[in-house]
């Protein structure tokens, strides 16, 4: 009997996997932890990770906590996070700064399926 081996799991899984993109404001944004671009048109990768409390943390590429997804969006990314965990991959999304330079907010691009 021939043993089949699976290809190594990708180290990253892009989120969202489906739906139209919409910007979702990150709760409790920690401006000092943001190392991405500061202009209003550039995007940067962020990591999404479940917390023991049932929230979804938004992390910088270095692992610094940037904030949390709104509770209403946690369920929307649940399947993508579950898929990443099963594959041993890191869930990666795109983020950008919005608002005025003095009071900027962080937004993560997530999939809106219209449900």
PDB file of N, CA and C in Angstrom:
ATOM      1  N   UNK A   1       0.840  -1.172   0.000  1.00  0.00           N
ATOM      2  CA  UNK A   1       0.000   0.000   0.000  1.00  0.00           C
ATOM      3  C   UNK A   1       0.885   1.234   0.000  1.00  0.00           C
ATOM      4  N   UNK A   2       0.554   2.174  -0.851  1.00  0.00           N
ATOM      5  CA  UNK A   2       1.316   3.406  -0.947  1.00  0.00           C
ATOM      6  C   UNK A   2       0.774   4.426   0.039  1.00  0.00           C
ATOM      7  N   UNK A   3       1.674   5.027   0.778  1.00  0.00           N
ATOM      8  CA  UNK A   3       1.255   6.054   1.724  1.00  0.00           C
ATOM      9  C   UNK A   3       1.309   7.404   1.028  1.00  0.00           C
ATOM     10  N   UNK A   4       0.218   8.131   1.098  1.00  0.00           N
ATOM     11  CA  UNK A   4       0.208   9.464   0.502  1.00  0.00           C
ATOM     12  C   UNK A   4       0.518  10.487   1.580  1.00  0.00           C
ATOM     13  N   UNK A   5       1.293  11.457   1.210  1.00  0.00           N
ATOM     14  CA  UNK A   5       1.615  12.524   2.152  1.00  0.00           C
ATOM     15  C   UNK A   5       1.004  13.815   1.641  1.00  0.00           C
ATOM     16  N   UNK A   6       0.534  14.592   2.557  1.00  0.00           N
ATOM     17  CA  UNK A   6      -0.039  15.878   2.203  1.00  0.00           C
ATOM     18  C   UNK A   6       1.065  16.910   2.089  1.00  0.00           C
ATOM     19  N   UNK A   7       0.843  17.866   1.231  1.00  0.00           N
ATOM     20  CA  UNK A   7       1.798  18.970   1.120  1.00  0.00           C
ATOM     21  C   UNK A   7       1.823  19.717   2.447  1.00  0.00           C
ATOM     22  N   UNK A   8       2.941  20.323   2.795  1.00  0.00           N
ATOM     23  CA  UNK A   8       2.999  21.070   4.049  1.00  0.00           C
ATOM     24  C   UNK A   8       1.925  22.153   4.084  1.00  0.00           C
ATOM     25  N   UNK A   9       1.377  22.351   5.260  1.00  0.00           N
ATOM     26  CA  UNK A   9       0.353  23.383   5.418  1.00  0.00           C
ATOM     27  C   UNK A   9       0.964  24.749   5.142  1.00  0.00           C
ATOM     28  N   UNK A  10       0.219  25.609   4.467  1.00  0.00           N
ATOM     29  CA  UNK A  10       0.751  26.956   4.256  1.00  0.00           C
ATOM     30  C   UNK A  10       0.881  27.657   5.600  1.00  0.00           C
ATOM     31  N   UNK A  11       1.856  28.521   5.704  1.00  0.00           N
ATOM     32  CA  UNK A  11       2.061  29.200   6.979  1.00  0.00           C
ATOM     33  C   UNK A  11       1.060  30.324   7.184  1.00  0.00           C
ATOM     34  N   UNK A  12       0.380  30.738   6.096  1.00  0.00           N
ATOM     35  CA  UNK A  12      -0.599  31.812   6.194  1.00  0.00           C
ATOM     36  C   UNK A  12      -1.862  31.447   5.439  1.00  0.00           C
ATOM     37  N   UNK A  13      -2.982  31.915   5.951  1.00  0.00           N
ATOM     38  CA  UNK A  13      -4.262  31.770   5.272  1.00  0.00           C
ATOM     39  C   UNK A  13      -4.893  33.149   5.209  1.00  0.00           C
ATOM     40  N   UNK A  14      -5.180  33.622   4.009  1.00  0.00           N
ATOM     41  CA  UNK A  14      -5.773  34.946   3.830  1.00  0.00           C
ATOM     42  C   UNK A  14      -7.219  34.958   4.305  1.00  0.00           C
ATOM     43  N   UNK A  15      -7.572  35.982   5.046  1.00  0.00           N
ATOM     44  CA  UNK A  15      -8.931  36.204   5.526  1.00  0.00           C
ATOM     45  C   UNK A  15      -9.388  37.520   4.924  1.00  0.00           C
ATOM     46  N   UNK A  16     -10.554  37.633   4.377  1.00  0.00           N
ATOM     47  CA  UNK A  16     -11.617  36.637   4.320  1.00  0.00           C
ATOM     48  C   UNK A  16     -11.449  35.714   3.119  1.00  0.00           C
ATOM     49  N   UNK A  17     -12.088  34.559   3.203  1.00  0.00           N
ATOM     50  CA  UNK A  17     -12.038  33.617   2.093  1.00  0.00           C
ATOM     51  C   UNK A  17     -13.199  33.836   1.132  1.00  0.00           C
ATOM     52  N   UNK A  18     -14.185  34.648   1.545  1.00  0.00           N
ATOM     53  CA  UNK A  18     -15.359  34.870   0.697  1.00  0.00           C
ATOM     54  C   UNK A  18     -16.026  36.189   1.084  1.00  0.00           C
ATOM     55  N   UNK A  19     -16.922  36.653   0.215  1.00  0.00           N
ATOM     56  CA  UNK A  19     -17.698  37.858   0.500  1.00  0.00           C
ATOM     57  C   UNK A  19     -17.063  39.115  -0.067  1.00  0.00           C
ATOM     58  N   UNK A  20     -17.859  40.175  -0.093  1.00  0.00           N
ATOM     59  CA  UNK A  20     -17.366  41.491  -0.516  1.00  0.00           C
ATOM     60  C   UNK A  20     -16.617  42.120   0.645  1.00  0.00           C
ATOM     61  N   UNK A  21     -15.536  42.823   0.343  1.00  0.00           N
ATOM     62  CA  UNK A  21     -14.723  43.426   1.402  1.00  0.00           C
ATOM     63  C   UNK A  21     -15.369  44.686   1.954  1.00  0.00           C
ATOM     64  N   UNK A  22     -15.297  44.816   3.267  1.00  0.00           N
ATOM     65  CA  UNK A  22     -15.753  46.024   3.942  1.00  0.00           C
ATOM     66  C   UNK A  22     -14.804  46.307   5.099  1.00  0.00           C
ATOM     67  N   UNK A  23     -14.576  47.575   5.379  1.00  0.00           N
ATOM     68  CA  UNK A  23     -13.694  47.956   6.479  1.00  0.00           C
ATOM     69  C   UNK A  23     -14.422  47.882   7.812  1.00  0.00           C
ATOM     70  N   UNK A  24     -13.838  47.175   8.766  1.00  0.00           N
ATOM     71  CA  UNK A  24     -14.429  47.005  10.096  1.00  0.00           C
ATOM     72  C   UNK A  24     -13.503  47.662  11.115  1.00  0.00           C
ATOM     73  N   UNK A  25     -14.048  48.606  11.875  1.00  0.00           N
ATOM     74  CA  UNK A  25     -13.256  49.349  12.858  1.00  0.00           C
ATOM     75  C   UNK A  25     -12.845  48.443  14.015  1.00  0.00           C
ATOM     76  N   UNK A  26     -11.569  48.499  14.375  1.00  0.00           N
ATOM     77  CA  UNK A  26     -11.012  47.696  15.462  1.00  0.00           C
ATOM     78  C   UNK A  26     -11.316  48.384  16.797  1.00  0.00           C
ATOM     79  N   UNK A  27     -11.837  47.615  17.762  1.00  0.00           N
ATOM     80  CA  UNK A  27     -12.112  48.141  19.105  1.00  0.00           C
ATOM     81  C   UNK A  27     -10.810  48.326  19.873  1.00  0.00           C
ATOM     82  N   UNK A  28     -10.769  49.345  20.702  1.00  0.00           N
ATOM     83  CA  UNK A  28      -9.638  49.576  21.611  1.00  0.00           C
ATOM     84  C   UNK A  28      -8.295  49.603  20.872  1.00  0.00           C
ATOM     85  N   UNK A  29      -8.259  50.309  19.741  1.00  0.00           N
ATOM     86  CA  UNK A  29      -7.048  50.381  18.920  1.00  0.00           C
ATOM     87  C   UNK A  29      -5.896  50.996  19.710  1.00  0.00           C
ATOM     88  N   UNK A  30      -4.775  50.308  19.731  1.00  0.00           N
ATOM     89  CA  UNK A  30      -3.561  50.770  20.409  1.00  0.00           C
ATOM     90  C   UNK A  30      -2.638  51.381  19.364  1.00  0.00           C
ATOM     91  N   UNK A  31      -2.748  52.670  19.199  1.00  0.00           N
ATOM     92  CA  UNK A  31      -2.015  53.396  18.155  1.00  0.00           C
ATOM     93  C   UNK A  31      -0.508  53.198  18.272  1.00  0.00           C
ATOM     94  N   UNK A  32       0.007  53.136  19.486  1.00  0.00           N
ATOM     95  CA  UNK A  32       1.445  52.986  19.692  1.00  0.00           C
ATOM     96  C   UNK A  32       2.004  51.658  19.204  1.00  0.00           C
ATOM     97  N   UNK A  33       1.152  50.647  19.058  1.00  0.00           N
ATOM     98  CA  UNK A  33       1.611  49.329  18.603  1.00  0.00           C
ATOM     99  C   UNK A  33       1.607  49.203  17.083  1.00  0.00           C
ATOM    100  N   UNK A  34       0.991  50.170  16.383  1.00  0.00           N
ATOM    101  CA  UNK A  34       0.892  50.113  14.919  1.00  0.00           C
ATOM    102  C   UNK A  34       2.235  50.431  14.289  1.00  0.00           C
ATOM    103  N   UNK A  35       2.749  49.509  13.472  1.00  0.00           N
ATOM    104  CA  UNK A  35       4.022  49.718  12.783  1.00  0.00           C
ATOM    105  C   UNK A  35       3.831  49.777  11.274  1.00  0.00           C
ATOM    106  N   UNK A  36       2.579  49.753  10.834  1.00  0.00           N
ATOM    107  CA  UNK A  36       2.277  49.791   9.408  1.00  0.00           C
ATOM    108  C   UNK A  36       2.360  51.203   8.857  1.00  0.00           C
ATOM    109  N   UNK A  37       1.976  51.365   7.596  1.00  0.00           N
ATOM    110  CA  UNK A  37       2.032  52.685   6.961  1.00  0.00           C
ATOM    111  C   UNK A  37       1.080  53.664   7.643  1.00  0.00           C
ATOM    112  N   UNK A  38       1.465  54.928   7.671  1.00  0.00           N
ATOM    113  CA  UNK A  38       0.640  55.933   8.337  1.00  0.00           C
ATOM    114  C   UNK A  38      -0.179  56.767   7.361  1.00  0.00           C
ATOM    115  N   UNK A  39       0.009  56.561   6.051  1.00  0.00           N
ATOM    116  CA  UNK A  39      -0.833  57.292   5.108  1.00  0.00           C
ATOM    117  C   UNK A  39      -2.196  56.611   5.032  1.00  0.00           C
ATOM    118  N   UNK A  40      -3.138  57.257   4.396  1.00  0.00           N
ATOM    119  CA  UNK A  40      -4.514  56.768   4.399  1.00  0.00           C
ATOM    120  C   UNK A  40      -4.863  55.870   3.209  1.00  0.00           C
ATOM    121  N   UNK A  41      -3.905  55.569   2.344  1.00  0.00           N
ATOM    122  CA  UNK A  41      -4.225  54.734   1.186  1.00  0.00           C
ATOM    123  C   UNK A  41      -3.508  53.389   1.203  1.00  0.00           C
ATOM    124  N   UNK A  42      -2.518  53.222   2.058  1.00  0.00           N
ATOM    125  CA  UNK A  42      -1.754  51.976   2.104  1.00  0.00           C
ATOM    126  C   UNK A  42      -2.393  50.975   3.059  1.00  0.00           C
ATOM    127  N   UNK A  43      -2.151  49.718   2.783  1.00  0.00           N
ATOM    128  CA  UNK A  43      -2.641  48.637   3.634  1.00  0.00           C
ATOM    129  C   UNK A  43      -1.458  47.843   4.158  1.00  0.00           C
ATOM    130  N   UNK A  44      -1.695  47.150   5.256  1.00  0.00           N
ATOM    131  CA  UNK A  44      -0.665  46.297   5.847  1.00  0.00           C
ATOM    132  C   UNK A  44      -1.319  45.012   6.332  1.00  0.00           C
ATOM    133  N   UNK A  45      -0.537  43.949   6.393  1.00  0.00           N
ATOM    134  CA  UNK A  45      -1.038  42.685   6.917  1.00  0.00           C
ATOM    135  C   UNK A  45      -1.137  42.752   8.436  1.00  0.00           C
ATOM    136  N   UNK A  46      -2.207  42.161   8.967  1.00  0.00           N
ATOM    137  CA  UNK A  46      -2.364  41.968  10.406  1.00  0.00           C
ATOM    138  C   UNK A  46      -2.756  40.509  10.629  1.00  0.00           C
ATOM    139  N   UNK A  47      -2.518  40.029  11.826  1.00  0.00           N
ATOM    140  CA  UNK A  47      -2.861  38.658  12.179  1.00  0.00           C
ATOM    141  C   UNK A  47      -4.147  38.658  12.988  1.00  0.00           C
ATOM    142  N   UNK A  48      -4.984  37.663  12.767  1.00  0.00           N
ATOM    143  CA  UNK A  48      -6.214  37.498  13.542  1.00  0.00           C
ATOM    144  C   UNK A  48      -6.081  36.226  14.362  1.00  0.00           C
ATOM    145  N   UNK A  49      -6.446  36.320  15.641  1.00  0.00           N
ATOM    146  CA  UNK A  49      -6.281  35.176  16.531  1.00  0.00           C
ATOM    147  C   UNK A  49      -7.394  35.170  17.571  1.00  0.00           C
ATOM    148  N   UNK A  50      -7.956  33.998  17.815  1.00  0.00           N
ATOM    149  CA  UNK A  50      -8.988  33.873  18.849  1.00  0.00           C
ATOM    150  C   UNK A  50      -8.362  34.051  20.230  1.00  0.00           C
ATOM    151  N   UNK A  51      -9.150  34.615  21.143  1.00  0.00           N
ATOM    152  CA  UNK A  51      -8.710  34.745  22.530  1.00  0.00           C
ATOM    153  C   UNK A  51      -9.495  33.751  23.381  1.00  0.00           C
ATOM    154  N   UNK A  52      -9.016  33.426  24.584  1.00  0.00           N
ATOM    155  CA  UNK A  52      -9.760  32.518  25.460  1.00  0.00           C
ATOM    156  C   UNK A  52     -11.147  33.053  25.835  1.00  0.00           C
ATOM    157  N   UNK A  53     -11.335  34.374  25.763  1.00  0.00           N
ATOM    158  CA  UNK A  53     -12.623  34.985  26.113  1.00  0.00           C
ATOM    159  C   UNK A  53     -13.637  34.933  24.983  1.00  0.00           C
ATOM    160  N   UNK A  54     -13.250  34.399  23.819  1.00  0.00           N
ATOM    161  CA  UNK A  54     -14.161  34.325  22.686  1.00  0.00           C
ATOM    162  C   UNK A  54     -14.089  35.521  21.756  1.00  0.00           C
ATOM    163  N   UNK A  55     -13.159  36.440  22.011  1.00  0.00           N
ATOM    164  CA  UNK A  55     -12.952  37.577  21.121  1.00  0.00           C
ATOM    165  C   UNK A  55     -11.973  37.185  20.020  1.00  0.00           C
ATOM    166  N   UNK A  56     -11.791  38.089  19.056  1.00  0.00           N
ATOM    167  CA  UNK A  56     -10.761  37.912  18.037  1.00  0.00           C
ATOM    168  C   UNK A  56      -9.805  39.090  18.154  1.00  0.00           C
ATOM    169  N   UNK A  57      -8.551  38.776  18.469  1.00  0.00           N
ATOM    170  CA  UNK A  57      -7.519  39.798  18.611  1.00  0.00           C
ATOM    171  C   UNK A  57      -6.939  40.129  17.245  1.00  0.00           C
ATOM    172  N   UNK A  58      -6.627  41.409  17.052  1.00  0.00           N
ATOM    173  CA  UNK A  58      -5.935  41.882  15.855  1.00  0.00           C
ATOM    174  C   UNK A  58      -4.510  42.184  16.300  1.00  0.00           C
ATOM    175  N   UNK A  59      -3.547  41.487  15.686  1.00  0.00           N
ATOM    176  CA  UNK A  59      -2.148  41.595  16.089  1.00  0.00           C
ATOM    177  C   UNK A  59      -1.298  42.131  14.947  1.00  0.00           C
ATOM    178  N   UNK A  60      -0.225  42.824  15.299  1.00  0.00           N
ATOM    179  CA  UNK A  60       0.744  43.249  14.286  1.00  0.00           C
ATOM    180  C   UNK A  60       1.544  42.029  13.849  1.00  0.00           C
ATOM    181  N   UNK A  61       2.357  42.174  12.816  1.00  0.00           N
ATOM    182  CA  UNK A  61       3.192  41.060  12.343  1.00  0.00           C
ATOM    183  C   UNK A  61       4.193  40.625  13.410  1.00  0.00           C
ATOM    184  N   UNK A  62       4.507  41.517  14.348  1.00  0.00           N
ATOM    185  CA  UNK A  62       5.428  41.166  15.429  1.00  0.00           C
ATOM    186  C   UNK A  62       4.708  40.532  16.615  1.00  0.00           C
ATOM    187  N   UNK A  63       3.379  40.452  16.554  1.00  0.00           N
ATOM    188  CA  UNK A  63       2.603  39.842  17.623  1.00  0.00           C
ATOM    189  C   UNK A  63       2.060  40.818  18.650  1.00  0.00           C
ATOM    190  N   UNK A  64       2.295  42.120  18.461  1.00  0.00           N
ATOM    191  CA  UNK A  64       1.780  43.121  19.401  1.00  0.00           C
ATOM    192  C   UNK A  64       0.269  43.275  19.220  1.00  0.00           C
ATOM    193  N   UNK A  65      -0.449  43.360  20.328  1.00  0.00           N
ATOM    194  CA  UNK A  65      -1.897  43.524  20.281  1.00  0.00           C
ATOM    195  C   UNK A  65      -2.252  44.918  19.784  1.00  0.00           C
ATOM    196  N   UNK A  66      -3.048  44.970  18.699  1.00  0.00           N
ATOM    197  CA  UNK A  66      -3.504  46.244  18.149  1.00  0.00           C
ATOM    198  C   UNK A  66      -4.914  46.584  18.622  1.00  0.00           C
ATOM    199  N   UNK A  67      -5.711  45.575  18.927  1.00  0.00           N
ATOM    200  CA  UNK A  67      -7.087  45.777  19.365  1.00  0.00           C
ATOM    201  C   UNK A  67      -7.881  44.505  19.139  1.00  0.00           C
ATOM    202  N   UNK A  68      -9.206  44.640  19.176  1.00  0.00           N
ATOM    203  CA  UNK A  68     -10.104  43.498  19.033  1.00  0.00           C
ATOM    204  C   UNK A  68     -11.133  43.777  17.948  1.00  0.00           C
ATOM    205  N   UNK A  69     -11.590  42.717  17.289  1.00  0.00           N
ATOM    206  CA  UNK A  69     -12.697  42.881  16.355  1.00  0.00           C
ATOM    207  C   UNK A  69     -13.969  43.133  17.151  1.00  0.00           C
ATOM    208  N   UNK A  70     -14.903  43.899  16.590  1.00  0.00           N
ATOM    209  CA  UNK A  70     -16.191  44.064  17.264  1.00  0.00           C
ATOM    210  C   UNK A  70     -16.859  42.701  17.450  1.00  0.00           C
ATOM    211  N   UNK A  71     -17.557  42.545  18.547  1.00  0.00           N
ATOM    212  CA  UNK A  71     -18.212  41.276  18.863  1.00  0.00           C
ATOM    213  C   UNK A  71     -19.123  40.812  17.732  1.00  0.00           C
ATOM    214  N   UNK A  72     -19.792  41.747  17.077  1.00  0.00           N
ATOM    215  CA  UNK A  72     -20.718  41.384  15.997  1.00  0.00           C
ATOM    216  C   UNK A  72     -20.008  40.770  14.792  1.00  0.00           C
ATOM    217  N   UNK A  73     -18.696  40.941  14.664  1.00  0.00           N
ATOM    218  CA  UNK A  73     -17.949  40.398  13.528  1.00  0.00           C
ATOM    219  C   UNK A  73     -17.211  39.106  13.857  1.00  0.00           C
ATOM    220  N   UNK A  74     -17.159  38.720  15.112  1.00  0.00           N
ATOM    221  CA  UNK A  74     -16.426  37.511  15.505  1.00  0.00           C
ATOM    222  C   UNK A  74     -16.985  36.287  14.786  1.00  0.00           C
ATOM    223  N   UNK A  75     -18.290  36.174  14.736  1.00  0.00           N
ATOM    224  CA  UNK A  75     -18.911  35.014  14.082  1.00  0.00           C
ATOM    225  C   UNK A  75     -18.627  34.994  12.578  1.00  0.00           C
ATOM    226  N   UNK A  76     -18.502  36.167  11.974  1.00  0.00           N
ATOM    227  CA  UNK A  76     -18.258  36.249  10.531  1.00  0.00           C
ATOM    228  C   UNK A  76     -16.909  35.667  10.126  1.00  0.00           C
ATOM    229  N   UNK A  77     -15.915  35.750  10.996  1.00  0.00           N
ATOM    230  CA  UNK A  77     -14.586  35.234  10.664  1.00  0.00           C
ATOM    231  C   UNK A  77     -14.319  33.871  11.288  1.00  0.00           C
ATOM    232  N   UNK A  78     -15.297  33.334  12.003  1.00  0.00           N
ATOM    233  CA  UNK A  78     -15.102  32.087  12.729  1.00  0.00           C
ATOM    234  C   UNK A  78     -14.660  30.940  11.822  1.00  0.00           C
ATOM    235  N   UNK A  79     -15.305  30.772  10.670  1.00  0.00           N
ATOM    236  CA  UNK A  79     -14.949  29.666   9.776  1.00  0.00           C
ATOM    237  C   UNK A  79     -13.518  29.811   9.270  1.00  0.00           C
ATOM    238  N   UNK A  80     -13.131  31.031   8.883  1.00  0.00           N
ATOM    239  CA  UNK A  80     -11.768  31.251   8.398  1.00  0.00           C
ATOM    240  C   UNK A  80     -10.734  30.969   9.488  1.00  0.00           C
ATOM    241  N   UNK A  81     -11.010  31.377  10.715  1.00  0.00           N
ATOM    242  CA  UNK A  81     -10.077  31.119  11.813  1.00  0.00           C
ATOM    243  C   UNK A  81     -10.000  29.626  12.122  1.00  0.00           C
ATOM    244  N   UNK A  82     -11.136  28.959  12.100  1.00  0.00           N
ATOM    245  CA  UNK A  82     -11.168  27.509  12.328  1.00  0.00           C
ATOM    246  C   UNK A  82     -10.352  26.793  11.252  1.00  0.00           C
ATOM    247  N   UNK A  83     -10.529  27.208   9.989  1.00  0.00           N
ATOM    248  CA  UNK A  83      -9.788  26.606   8.882  1.00  0.00           C
ATOM    249  C   UNK A  83      -8.284  26.808   9.059  1.00  0.00           C
ATOM    250  N   UNK A  84      -7.884  28.011   9.437  1.00  0.00           N
ATOM    251  CA  UNK A  84      -6.461  28.294   9.654  1.00  0.00           C
ATOM    252  C   UNK A  84      -5.905  27.423  10.779  1.00  0.00           C
ATOM    253  N   UNK A  85      -6.648  27.299  11.871  1.00  0.00           N
ATOM    254  CA  UNK A  85      -6.191  26.476  12.994  1.00  0.00           C
ATOM    255  C   UNK A  85      -6.024  25.023  12.575  1.00  0.00           C
ATOM    256  N   UNK A  86      -6.967  24.499  11.810  1.00  0.00           N
ATOM    257  CA  UNK A  86      -6.896  23.102  11.359  1.00  0.00           C
ATOM    258  C   UNK A  86      -5.685  22.863  10.462  1.00  0.00           C
ATOM    259  N   UNK A  87      -5.306  23.876   9.688  1.00  0.00           N
ATOM    260  CA  UNK A  87      -4.163  23.745   8.777  1.00  0.00           C
ATOM    261  C   UNK A  87      -2.842  24.101   9.443  1.00  0.00           C
ATOM    262  N   UNK A  88      -2.888  24.556  10.679  1.00  0.00           N
ATOM    263  CA  UNK A  88      -1.674  24.993  11.353  1.00  0.00           C
ATOM    264  C   UNK A  88      -1.136  26.285  10.768  1.00  0.00           C
ATOM    265  N   UNK A  89      -2.035  27.102  10.232  1.00  0.00           N
ATOM    266  CA  UNK A  89      -1.643  28.344   9.566  1.00  0.00           C
ATOM    267  C   UNK A  89      -2.032  29.551  10.411  1.00  0.00           C
ATOM    268  N   UNK A  90      -1.474  30.677  10.059  1.00  0.00           N
ATOM    269  CA  UNK A  90      -1.798  31.947  10.686  1.00  0.00           C
ATOM    270  C   UNK A  90      -2.822  32.663   9.821  1.00  0.00           C
ATOM    271  N   UNK A  91      -3.898  33.172  10.432  1.00  0.00           N
ATOM    272  CA  UNK A  91      -4.917  33.928   9.699  1.00  0.00           C
ATOM    273  C   UNK A  91      -4.418  35.355   9.499  1.00  0.00           C
ATOM    274  N   UNK A  92      -4.328  35.775   8.237  1.00  0.00           N
ATOM    275  CA  UNK A  92      -3.795  37.090   7.894  1.00  0.00           C
ATOM    276  C   UNK A  92      -4.854  37.884   7.143  1.00  0.00           C
ATOM    277  N   UNK A  93      -5.066  39.137   7.569  1.00  0.00           N
ATOM    278  CA  UNK A  93      -6.021  40.033   6.911  1.00  0.00           C
ATOM    279  C   UNK A  93      -5.309  41.336   6.558  1.00  0.00           C
ATOM    280  N   UNK A  94      -5.963  42.149   5.755  1.00  0.00           N
ATOM    281  CA  UNK A  94      -5.441  43.463   5.392  1.00  0.00           C
ATOM    282  C   UNK A  94      -6.051  44.512   6.317  1.00  0.00           C
ATOM    283  N   UNK A  95      -5.258  45.518   6.686  1.00  0.00           N
ATOM    284  CA  UNK A  95      -5.738  46.594   7.556  1.00  0.00           C
ATOM    285  C   UNK A  95      -5.238  47.928   7.029  1.00  0.00           C
ATOM    286  N   UNK A  96      -5.937  48.985   7.417  1.00  0.00           N
ATOM    287  CA  UNK A  96      -5.532  50.337   7.027  1.00  0.00           C
ATOM    288  C   UNK A  96      -5.968  51.320   8.100  1.00  0.00           C
ATOM    289  N   UNK A  97      -5.332  52.488   8.111  1.00  0.00           N
ATOM    290  CA  UNK A  97      -5.702  53.549   9.041  1.00  0.00           C
ATOM    291  C   UNK A  97      -6.772  54.423   8.406  1.00  0.00           C
ATOM    292  N   UNK A  98      -7.694  54.907   9.218  1.00  0.00           N
ATOM    293  CA  UNK A  98      -8.729  55.819   8.752  1.00  0.00           C
ATOM    294  C   UNK A  98      -8.917  56.929   9.764  1.00  0.00           C
ATOM    295  N   UNK A  99      -9.584  57.986   9.358  1.00  0.00           N
ATOM    296  CA  UNK A  99      -9.813  59.119  10.244  1.00  0.00           C
ATOM    297  C   UNK A  99      -8.704  60.146  10.126  1.00  0.00           C
ATOM    298  N   UNK A 100      -8.738  61.126  11.014  1.00  0.00           N
ATOM    299  CA  UNK A 100      -7.724  62.183  10.977  1.00  0.00           C
ATOM    300  C   UNK A 100      -6.398  61.652  11.506  1.00  0.00           C
ATOM    301  N   UNK A 101      -5.322  62.317  11.172  1.00  0.00           N
ATOM    302  CA  UNK A 101      -3.999  61.872  11.626  1.00  0.00           C
ATOM    303  C   UNK A 101      -3.889  61.883  13.150  1.00  0.00           C
ATOM    304  N   UNK A 102      -4.541  62.840  13.790  1.00  0.00           N
ATOM    305  CA  UNK A 102      -4.461  62.944  15.249  1.00  0.00           C
ATOM    306  C   UNK A 102      -5.291  61.871  15.950  1.00  0.00           C
ATOM    307  N   UNK A 103      -6.400  61.490  15.343  1.00  0.00           N
ATOM    308  CA  UNK A 103      -7.300  60.523  15.972  1.00  0.00           C
ATOM    309  C   UNK A 103      -7.615  59.384  15.011  1.00  0.00           C
ATOM    310  N   UNK A 104      -6.591  58.730  14.512  1.00  0.00           N
ATOM    311  CA  UNK A 104      -6.802  57.672  13.530  1.00  0.00           C
ATOM    312  C   UNK A 104      -7.339  56.405  14.184  1.00  0.00           C
ATOM    313  N   UNK A 105      -8.088  55.658  13.392  1.00  0.00           N
ATOM    314  CA  UNK A 105      -8.612  54.358  13.795  1.00  0.00           C
ATOM    315  C   UNK A 105      -8.053  53.312  12.848  1.00  0.00           C
ATOM    316  N   UNK A 106      -8.025  52.066  13.310  1.00  0.00           N
ATOM    317  CA  UNK A 106      -7.576  50.958  12.477  1.00  0.00           C
ATOM    318  C   UNK A 106      -8.798  50.208  11.968  1.00  0.00           C
ATOM    319  N   UNK A 107      -8.784  49.886  10.683  1.00  0.00           N
ATOM    320  CA  UNK A 107      -9.862  49.131  10.053  1.00  0.00           C
ATOM    321  C   UNK A 107      -9.284  47.868   9.435  1.00  0.00           C
ATOM    322  N   UNK A 108      -9.984  46.750   9.609  1.00  0.00           N
ATOM    323  CA  UNK A 108      -9.593  45.473   9.017  1.00  0.00           C
ATOM    324  C   UNK A 108     -10.586  45.162   7.911  1.00  0.00           C
ATOM    325  N   UNK A 109     -10.083  44.731   6.753  1.00  0.00           N
ATOM    326  CA  UNK A 109     -10.955  44.357   5.644  1.00  0.00           C
ATOM    327  C   UNK A 109     -11.465  42.939   5.859  1.00  0.00           C
ATOM    328  N   UNK A 110     -12.778  42.816   6.019  1.00  0.00           N
ATOM    329  CA  UNK A 110     -13.411  41.522   6.235  1.00  0.00           C
ATOM    330  C   UNK A 110     -14.473  41.294   5.173  1.00  0.00           C
ATOM    331  N   UNK A 111     -14.909  40.055   5.036  1.00  0.00           N
ATOM    332  CA  UNK A 111     -15.884  39.702   4.012  1.00  0.00           C
ATOM    333  C   UNK A 111     -17.310  39.851   4.497  1.00  0.00           C
ATOM    334  N   UNK A 112     -18.102  40.576   3.729  1.00  0.00           N
ATOM    335  CA  UNK A 112     -19.521  40.740   4.019  1.00  0.00           C
ATOM    336  C   UNK A 112     -20.285  39.883   3.028  1.00  0.00           C
ATOM    337  N   UNK A 113     -20.984  38.882   3.534  1.00  0.00           N
ATOM    338  CA  UNK A 113     -21.696  37.964   2.647  1.00  0.00           C
ATOM    339  C   UNK A 113     -23.143  38.372   2.436  1.00  0.00           C
ATOM    340  N   UNK A 114     -23.595  39.400   3.134  1.00  0.00           N
ATOM    341  CA  UNK A 114     -24.957  39.878   2.958  1.00  0.00           C
ATOM    342  C   UNK A 114     -25.997  39.048   3.679  1.00  0.00           C
ATOM    343  N   UNK A 115     -25.561  38.219   4.625  1.00  0.00           N
ATOM    344  CA  UNK A 115     -26.515  37.394   5.380  1.00  0.00           C
ATOM    345  C   UNK A 115     -27.147  38.181   6.482  1.00  0.00           C
TER     346      UNK A 115
END
